[in-house]
Every structure is written in C-alpha cells, then in structure tokens.
Amino acid sequence: MTSERRAPENRAGPEDEDEDASIEVDEFLPHPPAKVWRALTDPALLGRWLMPNDFRPVVGHRFTFTTRPIPSAGFDGTIPCRVLDLDEERLLRISWNGGGLDTTVTWRLVPEGRGTRLFVRHAGFDLDDPVQSYAFRGMGSGWRSHVMRSLLRVLAEPA
C-alpha cells in the first residue's frame, strides 16, 4: 500500500506577519479512518510512531510526550500536552508545550475512497523567537518525513 502526499507547507511569510507560523501536512493514508484514529489515540500505538506518552482520548486530559533531550536548545525531552478538542474519527487537537513552545497540533481525518486524508497542522510558532524558529525548521521536516513514515509503518502492521 502506498501513500500520496500533497505539497507540505510551512506557513510564514509577509502575508502572515500578524499570525504565528504553522507546519501543515496533507497525507493520504490507504487505511480507513477507524484504523487511523486508533493509531492517533491508542497510547501504545501513538508511542510507536510518535513518542512515548500517557495519552488518553479525553478532552481536558493532561499528558506528556517524552523524547531525546536537546540541552543546547534548552529542551529537556519533556513535552507537556493537553487534549483540547476531540471528535471521534474526525479531529484531535492538543496543546504542545515544552522547550520554549506554546503551540497546538491538530489532526483532521477525512474519509477518501478506501482510505483517509490526514491533515496535520502544528500551529503557533513565533519565528521572531530563535528557539521557536529553530524548532519550526526541525519539526517541519520531521512531521513531513520521519513522523509520516513511522505512522504508515504502524498502520501497515496487522491489527
């Protein structure tokens, strides 16, 4: 099974001066929304393609992602988060804090043929802040490559 990618974008430029920057990814996944939703909301599966966590799909739930620290960037490897919005098999929005960031990540699922179009938007980067600008550049490439490949790998495994 293959995936189809539309041109990913980093949203920031002269026309966006009053808005914070966002990373946007548009990915076709050859799996039904229910399977994609499970990969987004089951803590064990989420940990396999994104990061270890104590996530629960409950609005208001506070949880933490943990990853490799980057001391030179002032990042201790801990990402405190909170579930902000949830619409089963359609939308998941979380806060994403830590390492100088105060951002949100939104996953929107849209059924498409026999698969799912997944829209990811990581928003709220202040590019005037050197730490956030650094994170924006690094995370932009990460969301588009490593994270999507890892998600596809988990989705391809038998249930």
N, C-alpha and C. Protein backbone atom coordinates (compact mmCIF):
# COMPACT_ATOMS: atom_id res chain seq x y z
N MET A 1 0.84 -1.18 0.00
CA MET A 1 0.00 0.00 0.00
C MET A 1 0.89 1.24 0.00
N THR A 2 0.44 2.23 -0.71
CA THR A 2 1.23 3.45 -0.81
C THR A 2 0.46 4.62 -0.25
N SER A 3 1.18 5.69 -0.02
CA SER A 3 0.53 6.91 0.43
C SER A 3 0.78 7.97 -0.62
N GLU A 4 -0.08 8.94 -0.67
CA GLU A 4 0.05 10.05 -1.60
C GLU A 4 0.20 11.31 -0.77
N ARG A 5 1.21 12.08 -1.08
CA ARG A 5 1.45 13.32 -0.36
C ARG A 5 1.16 14.50 -1.25
N ARG A 6 0.48 15.47 -0.70
CA ARG A 6 0.36 16.76 -1.36
C ARG A 6 1.46 17.64 -0.82
N ALA A 7 1.78 18.68 -1.52
CA ALA A 7 2.88 19.56 -1.12
C ALA A 7 2.70 20.05 0.30
N PRO A 8 3.59 19.65 1.21
CA PRO A 8 3.52 20.17 2.57
C PRO A 8 3.96 21.62 2.60
N GLU A 9 3.51 22.33 3.60
CA GLU A 9 3.81 23.75 3.66
C GLU A 9 4.26 24.16 5.05
N ASN A 10 5.11 25.15 5.06
CA ASN A 10 5.40 25.89 6.28
C ASN A 10 4.74 27.24 6.04
N ARG A 11 3.82 27.62 6.88
CA ARG A 11 3.09 28.87 6.69
C ARG A 11 3.75 29.99 7.46
N ALA A 12 4.46 30.82 6.75
CA ALA A 12 5.03 32.02 7.33
C ALA A 12 5.56 32.86 6.20
N GLY A 13 5.28 34.10 6.21
CA GLY A 13 5.77 34.99 5.17
C GLY A 13 5.18 36.36 5.38
N PRO A 14 5.46 37.27 4.46
CA PRO A 14 5.00 38.64 4.62
C PRO A 14 3.48 38.74 4.80
N GLU A 15 2.74 37.88 4.12
CA GLU A 15 1.28 37.95 4.24
C GLU A 15 0.81 37.43 5.58
N ASP A 16 1.68 36.75 6.34
CA ASP A 16 1.31 36.16 7.62
C ASP A 16 1.94 36.90 8.80
N GLU A 17 2.36 38.14 8.61
CA GLU A 17 3.11 38.85 9.63
C GLU A 17 2.41 38.90 10.98
N ASP A 18 1.09 39.01 11.00
CA ASP A 18 0.37 39.12 12.26
C ASP A 18 0.00 37.76 12.84
N GLU A 19 0.29 36.70 12.12
CA GLU A 19 -0.06 35.38 12.59
C GLU A 19 1.20 34.59 12.89
N ASP A 20 1.09 33.69 13.84
CA ASP A 20 2.20 32.80 14.11
C ASP A 20 2.30 31.79 12.96
N ALA A 21 3.47 31.22 12.80
CA ALA A 21 3.71 30.26 11.73
C ALA A 21 3.16 28.88 12.08
N SER A 22 2.87 28.11 11.05
CA SER A 22 2.38 26.75 11.25
C SER A 22 3.02 25.80 10.24
N ILE A 23 3.11 24.56 10.64
CA ILE A 23 3.56 23.48 9.78
C ILE A 23 2.30 22.73 9.37
N GLU A 24 2.14 22.50 8.07
CA GLU A 24 0.95 21.80 7.60
C GLU A 24 1.34 20.64 6.71
N VAL A 25 0.73 19.49 6.97
CA VAL A 25 0.98 18.29 6.18
C VAL A 25 -0.37 17.74 5.75
N ASP A 26 -0.43 17.30 4.50
CA ASP A 26 -1.64 16.73 3.91
C ASP A 26 -1.21 15.38 3.35
N GLU A 27 -1.69 14.30 3.94
CA GLU A 27 -1.22 12.96 3.59
C GLU A 27 -2.39 12.03 3.36
N PHE A 28 -2.38 11.30 2.23
CA PHE A 28 -3.37 10.25 2.01
C PHE A 28 -2.82 8.96 2.61
N LEU A 29 -3.63 8.33 3.46
CA LEU A 29 -3.25 7.06 4.09
C LEU A 29 -4.20 5.98 3.57
N PRO A 30 -3.68 4.89 3.04
CA PRO A 30 -4.54 3.84 2.48
C PRO A 30 -5.14 2.93 3.55
N HIS A 31 -5.74 3.56 4.54
CA HIS A 31 -6.36 2.84 5.65
C HIS A 31 -7.63 3.57 6.05
N PRO A 32 -8.64 2.86 6.54
CA PRO A 32 -9.91 3.51 6.92
C PRO A 32 -9.72 4.43 8.12
N PRO A 33 -10.60 5.44 8.25
CA PRO A 33 -10.50 6.38 9.36
C PRO A 33 -10.43 5.71 10.73
N ALA A 34 -11.17 4.63 10.94
CA ALA A 34 -11.16 3.97 12.26
C ALA A 34 -9.76 3.47 12.62
N LYS A 35 -9.04 2.93 11.65
CA LYS A 35 -7.68 2.43 11.92
C LYS A 35 -6.72 3.59 12.17
N VAL A 36 -6.85 4.67 11.39
CA VAL A 36 -6.00 5.84 11.59
C VAL A 36 -6.29 6.45 12.96
N TRP A 37 -7.57 6.56 13.30
CA TRP A 37 -7.97 7.12 14.60
C TRP A 37 -7.36 6.32 15.75
N ARG A 38 -7.38 5.02 15.63
CA ARG A 38 -6.81 4.17 16.68
C ARG A 38 -5.31 4.45 16.83
N ALA A 39 -4.61 4.62 15.71
CA ALA A 39 -3.17 4.92 15.77
C ALA A 39 -2.90 6.28 16.41
N LEU A 40 -3.85 7.21 16.27
CA LEU A 40 -3.71 8.53 16.87
C LEU A 40 -4.06 8.55 18.36
N THR A 41 -4.93 7.65 18.79
CA THR A 41 -5.49 7.77 20.14
C THR A 41 -5.17 6.61 21.08
N ASP A 42 -4.63 5.52 20.59
CA ASP A 42 -4.22 4.42 21.47
C ASP A 42 -2.80 4.75 21.94
N PRO A 43 -2.60 4.93 23.26
CA PRO A 43 -1.29 5.38 23.76
C PRO A 43 -0.12 4.49 23.31
N ALA A 44 -0.33 3.18 23.27
CA ALA A 44 0.75 2.28 22.87
C ALA A 44 1.10 2.48 21.40
N LEU A 45 0.09 2.56 20.55
CA LEU A 45 0.35 2.78 19.12
C LEU A 45 0.95 4.17 18.88
N LEU A 46 0.39 5.18 19.53
CA LEU A 46 0.90 6.55 19.42
C LEU A 46 2.38 6.59 19.82
N GLY A 47 2.72 5.86 20.84
CA GLY A 47 4.10 5.81 21.29
C GLY A 47 5.03 5.15 20.29
N ARG A 48 4.51 4.27 19.47
CA ARG A 48 5.34 3.57 18.49
C ARG A 48 5.64 4.44 17.28
N TRP A 49 4.73 5.33 16.91
CA TRP A 49 5.02 6.15 15.72
C TRP A 49 5.37 7.60 16.04
N LEU A 50 5.05 8.07 17.24
CA LEU A 50 5.38 9.46 17.58
C LEU A 50 6.35 9.49 18.76
N MET A 51 5.84 9.34 19.98
CA MET A 51 6.70 9.34 21.17
C MET A 51 5.99 8.62 22.30
N PRO A 52 6.78 8.07 23.25
CA PRO A 52 6.16 7.51 24.46
C PRO A 52 5.32 8.58 25.15
N ASN A 53 4.21 8.14 25.79
CA ASN A 53 3.24 9.10 26.30
C ASN A 53 2.34 8.45 27.34
N ASP A 54 1.54 9.28 27.99
CA ASP A 54 0.47 8.79 28.88
C ASP A 54 -0.86 9.41 28.43
N PHE A 55 -1.06 9.41 27.12
CA PHE A 55 -2.24 9.99 26.49
C PHE A 55 -3.50 9.20 26.82
N ARG A 56 -4.61 9.93 26.94
CA ARG A 56 -5.96 9.35 26.98
C ARG A 56 -6.84 10.23 26.13
N PRO A 57 -7.70 9.66 25.30
CA PRO A 57 -8.56 10.46 24.42
C PRO A 57 -9.76 11.06 25.16
N VAL A 58 -9.46 12.01 26.05
CA VAL A 58 -10.48 12.67 26.86
C VAL A 58 -10.17 14.17 26.86
N VAL A 59 -11.13 14.98 26.44
CA VAL A 59 -10.91 16.43 26.43
C VAL A 59 -10.55 16.89 27.84
N GLY A 60 -9.50 17.68 27.93
CA GLY A 60 -9.01 18.19 29.21
C GLY A 60 -7.89 17.35 29.81
N HIS A 61 -7.71 16.12 29.32
CA HIS A 61 -6.66 15.25 29.88
C HIS A 61 -5.28 15.84 29.62
N ARG A 62 -4.50 15.94 30.69
CA ARG A 62 -3.11 16.40 30.58
C ARG A 62 -2.21 15.17 30.48
N PHE A 63 -1.26 15.23 29.55
CA PHE A 63 -0.37 14.10 29.34
C PHE A 63 0.99 14.62 28.89
N THR A 64 1.94 13.72 28.78
CA THR A 64 3.30 14.10 28.44
C THR A 64 3.86 13.17 27.37
N PHE A 65 4.50 13.78 26.37
CA PHE A 65 5.34 13.04 25.43
C PHE A 65 6.76 13.12 25.97
N THR A 66 7.54 12.06 25.78
CA THR A 66 8.95 12.12 26.17
C THR A 66 9.80 11.70 24.99
N THR A 67 10.91 12.39 24.83
CA THR A 67 11.82 12.13 23.72
C THR A 67 13.24 12.49 24.14
N ARG A 68 14.14 12.44 23.21
CA ARG A 68 15.54 12.74 23.47
C ARG A 68 15.72 14.23 23.79
N PRO A 69 16.36 14.54 24.90
CA PRO A 69 16.62 15.95 25.24
C PRO A 69 17.59 16.60 24.24
N ILE A 70 17.46 17.91 24.08
CA ILE A 70 18.40 18.70 23.28
C ILE A 70 18.87 19.84 24.18
N PRO A 71 19.84 19.58 25.04
CA PRO A 71 20.28 20.59 26.01
C PRO A 71 20.72 21.90 25.37
N SER A 72 21.36 21.83 24.20
CA SER A 72 21.83 23.06 23.54
C SER A 72 20.68 23.97 23.15
N ALA A 73 19.48 23.42 23.01
CA ALA A 73 18.30 24.22 22.67
C ALA A 73 17.43 24.46 23.90
N GLY A 74 17.91 24.05 25.08
CA GLY A 74 17.12 24.24 26.29
C GLY A 74 15.93 23.32 26.39
N PHE A 75 15.99 22.16 25.70
CA PHE A 75 14.87 21.23 25.67
C PHE A 75 15.23 19.98 26.47
N ASP A 76 14.43 19.69 27.50
CA ASP A 76 14.72 18.57 28.40
C ASP A 76 14.12 17.23 27.95
N GLY A 77 13.46 17.23 26.79
CA GLY A 77 12.87 15.99 26.28
C GLY A 77 11.46 15.73 26.75
N THR A 78 10.89 16.66 27.50
CA THR A 78 9.53 16.52 28.02
C THR A 78 8.61 17.51 27.30
N ILE A 79 7.48 17.00 26.81
CA ILE A 79 6.50 17.85 26.12
C ILE A 79 5.17 17.72 26.84
N PRO A 80 4.85 18.66 27.73
CA PRO A 80 3.54 18.64 28.39
C PRO A 80 2.46 19.01 27.37
N CYS A 81 1.37 18.26 27.40
CA CYS A 81 0.27 18.46 26.44
C CYS A 81 -1.07 18.36 27.17
N ARG A 82 -2.11 18.80 26.46
CA ARG A 82 -3.47 18.66 26.97
C ARG A 82 -4.40 18.45 25.79
N VAL A 83 -5.36 17.55 25.92
CA VAL A 83 -6.35 17.33 24.85
C VAL A 83 -7.31 18.51 24.86
N LEU A 84 -7.35 19.24 23.75
CA LEU A 84 -8.19 20.44 23.63
C LEU A 84 -9.53 20.16 22.96
N ASP A 85 -9.53 19.27 21.98
CA ASP A 85 -10.74 19.00 21.21
C ASP A 85 -10.65 17.58 20.67
N LEU A 86 -11.80 16.94 20.55
CA LEU A 86 -11.83 15.55 20.12
C LEU A 86 -13.18 15.29 19.47
N ASP A 87 -13.16 14.77 18.26
CA ASP A 87 -14.37 14.34 17.56
C ASP A 87 -14.01 13.00 16.93
N GLU A 88 -14.46 11.91 17.53
CA GLU A 88 -14.02 10.57 17.16
C GLU A 88 -13.99 10.34 15.66
N GLU A 89 -12.85 9.83 15.21
CA GLU A 89 -12.56 9.52 13.81
C GLU A 89 -12.59 10.74 12.89
N ARG A 90 -12.59 11.95 13.47
CA ARG A 90 -12.60 13.16 12.64
C ARG A 90 -11.53 14.18 13.04
N LEU A 91 -11.36 14.42 14.35
CA LEU A 91 -10.49 15.51 14.78
C LEU A 91 -9.90 15.26 16.16
N LEU A 92 -8.61 15.55 16.28
CA LEU A 92 -7.93 15.54 17.56
C LEU A 92 -7.05 16.79 17.60
N ARG A 93 -7.20 17.62 18.64
CA ARG A 93 -6.38 18.82 18.81
C ARG A 93 -5.81 18.80 20.22
N ILE A 94 -4.49 19.01 20.28
CA ILE A 94 -3.80 19.02 21.57
C ILE A 94 -2.95 20.28 21.70
N SER A 95 -2.70 20.69 22.94
CA SER A 95 -1.67 21.71 23.19
C SER A 95 -0.34 20.98 23.18
N TRP A 96 0.72 21.69 22.81
CA TRP A 96 2.06 21.11 22.70
C TRP A 96 3.01 22.14 23.29
N ASN A 97 3.43 21.91 24.53
CA ASN A 97 4.28 22.87 25.23
C ASN A 97 5.60 22.20 25.59
N GLY A 98 6.55 23.02 25.95
CA GLY A 98 7.85 22.48 26.33
C GLY A 98 8.94 22.96 25.41
N GLY A 99 10.13 23.11 25.94
CA GLY A 99 11.24 23.56 25.12
C GLY A 99 11.04 24.95 24.54
N GLY A 100 10.30 25.78 25.26
CA GLY A 100 10.06 27.14 24.78
C GLY A 100 8.88 27.27 23.83
N LEU A 101 8.12 26.19 23.61
CA LEU A 101 6.97 26.24 22.70
C LEU A 101 5.66 26.32 23.47
N ASP A 102 4.71 27.00 22.89
CA ASP A 102 3.33 27.05 23.35
C ASP A 102 2.49 26.96 22.08
N THR A 103 2.32 25.73 21.56
CA THR A 103 1.72 25.52 20.25
C THR A 103 0.56 24.54 20.35
N THR A 104 -0.10 24.30 19.23
CA THR A 104 -1.15 23.30 19.15
C THR A 104 -0.88 22.39 17.94
N VAL A 105 -1.32 21.15 18.06
CA VAL A 105 -1.26 20.21 16.95
C VAL A 105 -2.67 19.71 16.72
N THR A 106 -3.10 19.77 15.46
CA THR A 106 -4.43 19.31 15.08
C THR A 106 -4.29 18.24 14.01
N TRP A 107 -4.94 17.10 14.24
CA TRP A 107 -5.04 16.05 13.23
C TRP A 107 -6.50 16.03 12.79
N ARG A 108 -6.73 16.18 11.49
CA ARG A 108 -8.09 16.13 10.95
C ARG A 108 -8.15 14.99 9.94
N LEU A 109 -9.11 14.08 10.12
CA LEU A 109 -9.26 12.90 9.28
C LEU A 109 -10.46 13.09 8.38
N VAL A 110 -10.28 12.83 7.08
CA VAL A 110 -11.36 12.94 6.12
C VAL A 110 -11.39 11.64 5.30
N PRO A 111 -12.53 10.90 5.34
CA PRO A 111 -12.60 9.69 4.53
C PRO A 111 -12.39 10.04 3.05
N GLU A 112 -11.62 9.22 2.36
CA GLU A 112 -11.36 9.45 0.94
C GLU A 112 -11.20 8.10 0.26
N GLY A 113 -12.19 7.72 -0.55
CA GLY A 113 -12.14 6.41 -1.20
C GLY A 113 -12.06 5.32 -0.15
N ARG A 114 -11.06 4.45 -0.29
CA ARG A 114 -10.86 3.36 0.68
C ARG A 114 -9.86 3.73 1.75
N GLY A 115 -9.52 5.00 1.83
CA GLY A 115 -8.53 5.43 2.80
C GLY A 115 -8.95 6.67 3.56
N THR A 116 -7.95 7.39 4.03
CA THR A 116 -8.17 8.57 4.86
C THR A 116 -7.20 9.66 4.44
N ARG A 117 -7.71 10.85 4.26
CA ARG A 117 -6.86 12.02 4.05
C ARG A 117 -6.60 12.58 5.45
N LEU A 118 -5.33 12.66 5.83
CA LEU A 118 -4.96 13.18 7.14
C LEU A 118 -4.32 14.54 6.98
N PHE A 119 -4.90 15.52 7.63
CA PHE A 119 -4.36 16.87 7.65
C PHE A 119 -3.76 17.10 9.03
N VAL A 120 -2.50 17.49 9.08
CA VAL A 120 -1.83 17.78 10.34
C VAL A 120 -1.44 19.24 10.31
N ARG A 121 -1.76 19.95 11.38
CA ARG A 121 -1.37 21.36 11.49
C ARG A 121 -0.76 21.60 12.86
N HIS A 122 0.52 21.94 12.86
CA HIS A 122 1.22 22.29 14.10
C HIS A 122 1.37 23.80 14.07
N ALA A 123 0.61 24.50 14.89
CA ALA A 123 0.48 25.96 14.78
C ALA A 123 0.94 26.67 16.04
N GLY A 124 1.33 27.94 15.85
CA GLY A 124 1.64 28.80 16.98
C GLY A 124 3.11 29.13 17.15
N PHE A 125 3.91 28.93 16.13
CA PHE A 125 5.35 29.23 16.22
C PHE A 125 5.59 30.72 16.02
N ASP A 126 6.34 31.32 16.91
CA ASP A 126 6.76 32.72 16.79
C ASP A 126 8.16 32.71 16.19
N LEU A 127 8.26 33.03 14.91
CA LEU A 127 9.54 32.94 14.22
C LEU A 127 10.51 34.05 14.61
N ASP A 128 10.06 35.04 15.37
CA ASP A 128 10.97 36.06 15.90
C ASP A 128 11.75 35.54 17.10
N ASP A 129 11.29 34.45 17.66
CA ASP A 129 11.97 33.83 18.80
C ASP A 129 12.94 32.78 18.24
N PRO A 130 14.24 32.90 18.51
CA PRO A 130 15.22 31.96 17.94
C PRO A 130 14.96 30.50 18.29
N VAL A 131 14.52 30.22 19.51
CA VAL A 131 14.24 28.84 19.91
C VAL A 131 13.06 28.29 19.11
N GLN A 132 12.00 29.09 18.97
CA GLN A 132 10.83 28.63 18.23
C GLN A 132 11.13 28.52 16.73
N SER A 133 11.93 29.41 16.21
CA SER A 133 12.33 29.35 14.80
C SER A 133 13.12 28.07 14.53
N TYR A 134 14.03 27.73 15.43
CA TYR A 134 14.82 26.50 15.32
C TYR A 134 13.88 25.28 15.36
N ALA A 135 12.96 25.27 16.31
CA ALA A 135 12.00 24.16 16.43
C ALA A 135 11.13 24.05 15.19
N PHE A 136 10.70 25.18 14.66
CA PHE A 136 9.85 25.22 13.46
C PHE A 136 10.56 24.54 12.29
N ARG A 137 11.81 24.90 12.09
CA ARG A 137 12.56 24.31 10.96
C ARG A 137 12.75 22.81 11.16
N GLY A 138 13.18 22.41 12.35
CA GLY A 138 13.41 21.00 12.60
C GLY A 138 12.15 20.16 12.60
N MET A 139 11.11 20.69 13.22
CA MET A 139 9.87 19.93 13.31
C MET A 139 9.15 19.87 11.96
N GLY A 140 9.32 20.89 11.14
CA GLY A 140 8.71 20.88 9.81
C GLY A 140 9.18 19.69 9.00
N SER A 141 10.47 19.48 8.97
CA SER A 141 10.99 18.34 8.22
C SER A 141 10.62 17.03 8.92
N GLY A 142 10.57 17.03 10.24
CA GLY A 142 10.22 15.82 10.97
C GLY A 142 8.79 15.36 10.73
N TRP A 143 7.84 16.29 10.81
CA TRP A 143 6.44 15.93 10.56
C TRP A 143 6.27 15.35 9.16
N ARG A 144 6.96 15.94 8.19
CA ARG A 144 6.78 15.53 6.79
C ARG A 144 7.45 14.21 6.46
N SER A 145 8.54 13.90 7.10
CA SER A 145 9.27 12.71 6.71
C SER A 145 9.17 11.62 7.77
N HIS A 146 9.94 11.73 8.80
CA HIS A 146 10.04 10.68 9.81
C HIS A 146 8.68 10.32 10.43
N VAL A 147 7.92 11.31 10.84
CA VAL A 147 6.66 11.03 11.55
C VAL A 147 5.65 10.33 10.63
N MET A 148 5.49 10.84 9.41
CA MET A 148 4.53 10.21 8.50
C MET A 148 4.98 8.80 8.12
N ARG A 149 6.27 8.59 7.90
CA ARG A 149 6.77 7.24 7.58
C ARG A 149 6.52 6.29 8.75
N SER A 150 6.75 6.76 9.97
CA SER A 150 6.52 5.93 11.16
C SER A 150 5.04 5.58 11.31
N LEU A 151 4.17 6.57 11.08
CA LEU A 151 2.73 6.31 11.15
C LEU A 151 2.31 5.28 10.11
N LEU A 152 2.79 5.43 8.89
CA LEU A 152 2.45 4.46 7.83
C LEU A 152 2.94 3.06 8.18
N ARG A 153 4.10 2.96 8.78
CA ARG A 153 4.65 1.66 9.18
C ARG A 153 3.73 0.99 10.23
N VAL A 154 3.30 1.76 11.22
CA VAL A 154 2.41 1.21 12.25
C VAL A 154 1.07 0.82 11.65
N LEU A 155 0.54 1.65 10.76
CA LEU A 155 -0.75 1.35 10.13
C LEU A 155 -0.69 0.09 9.27
N ALA A 156 0.46 -0.18 8.69
CA ALA A 156 0.60 -1.34 7.78
C ALA A 156 0.67 -2.67 8.55
N GLU A 157 0.92 -2.61 9.85
CA GLU A 157 1.01 -3.83 10.64
C GLU A 157 -0.38 -4.45 10.82
N PRO A 158 -0.45 -5.79 10.89
CA PRO A 158 -1.75 -6.41 11.13
C PRO A 158 -2.33 -5.98 12.48
N ALA A 159 -3.63 -5.83 12.51
CA ALA A 159 -4.30 -5.38 13.75
C ALA A 159 -4.22 -6.40 14.85
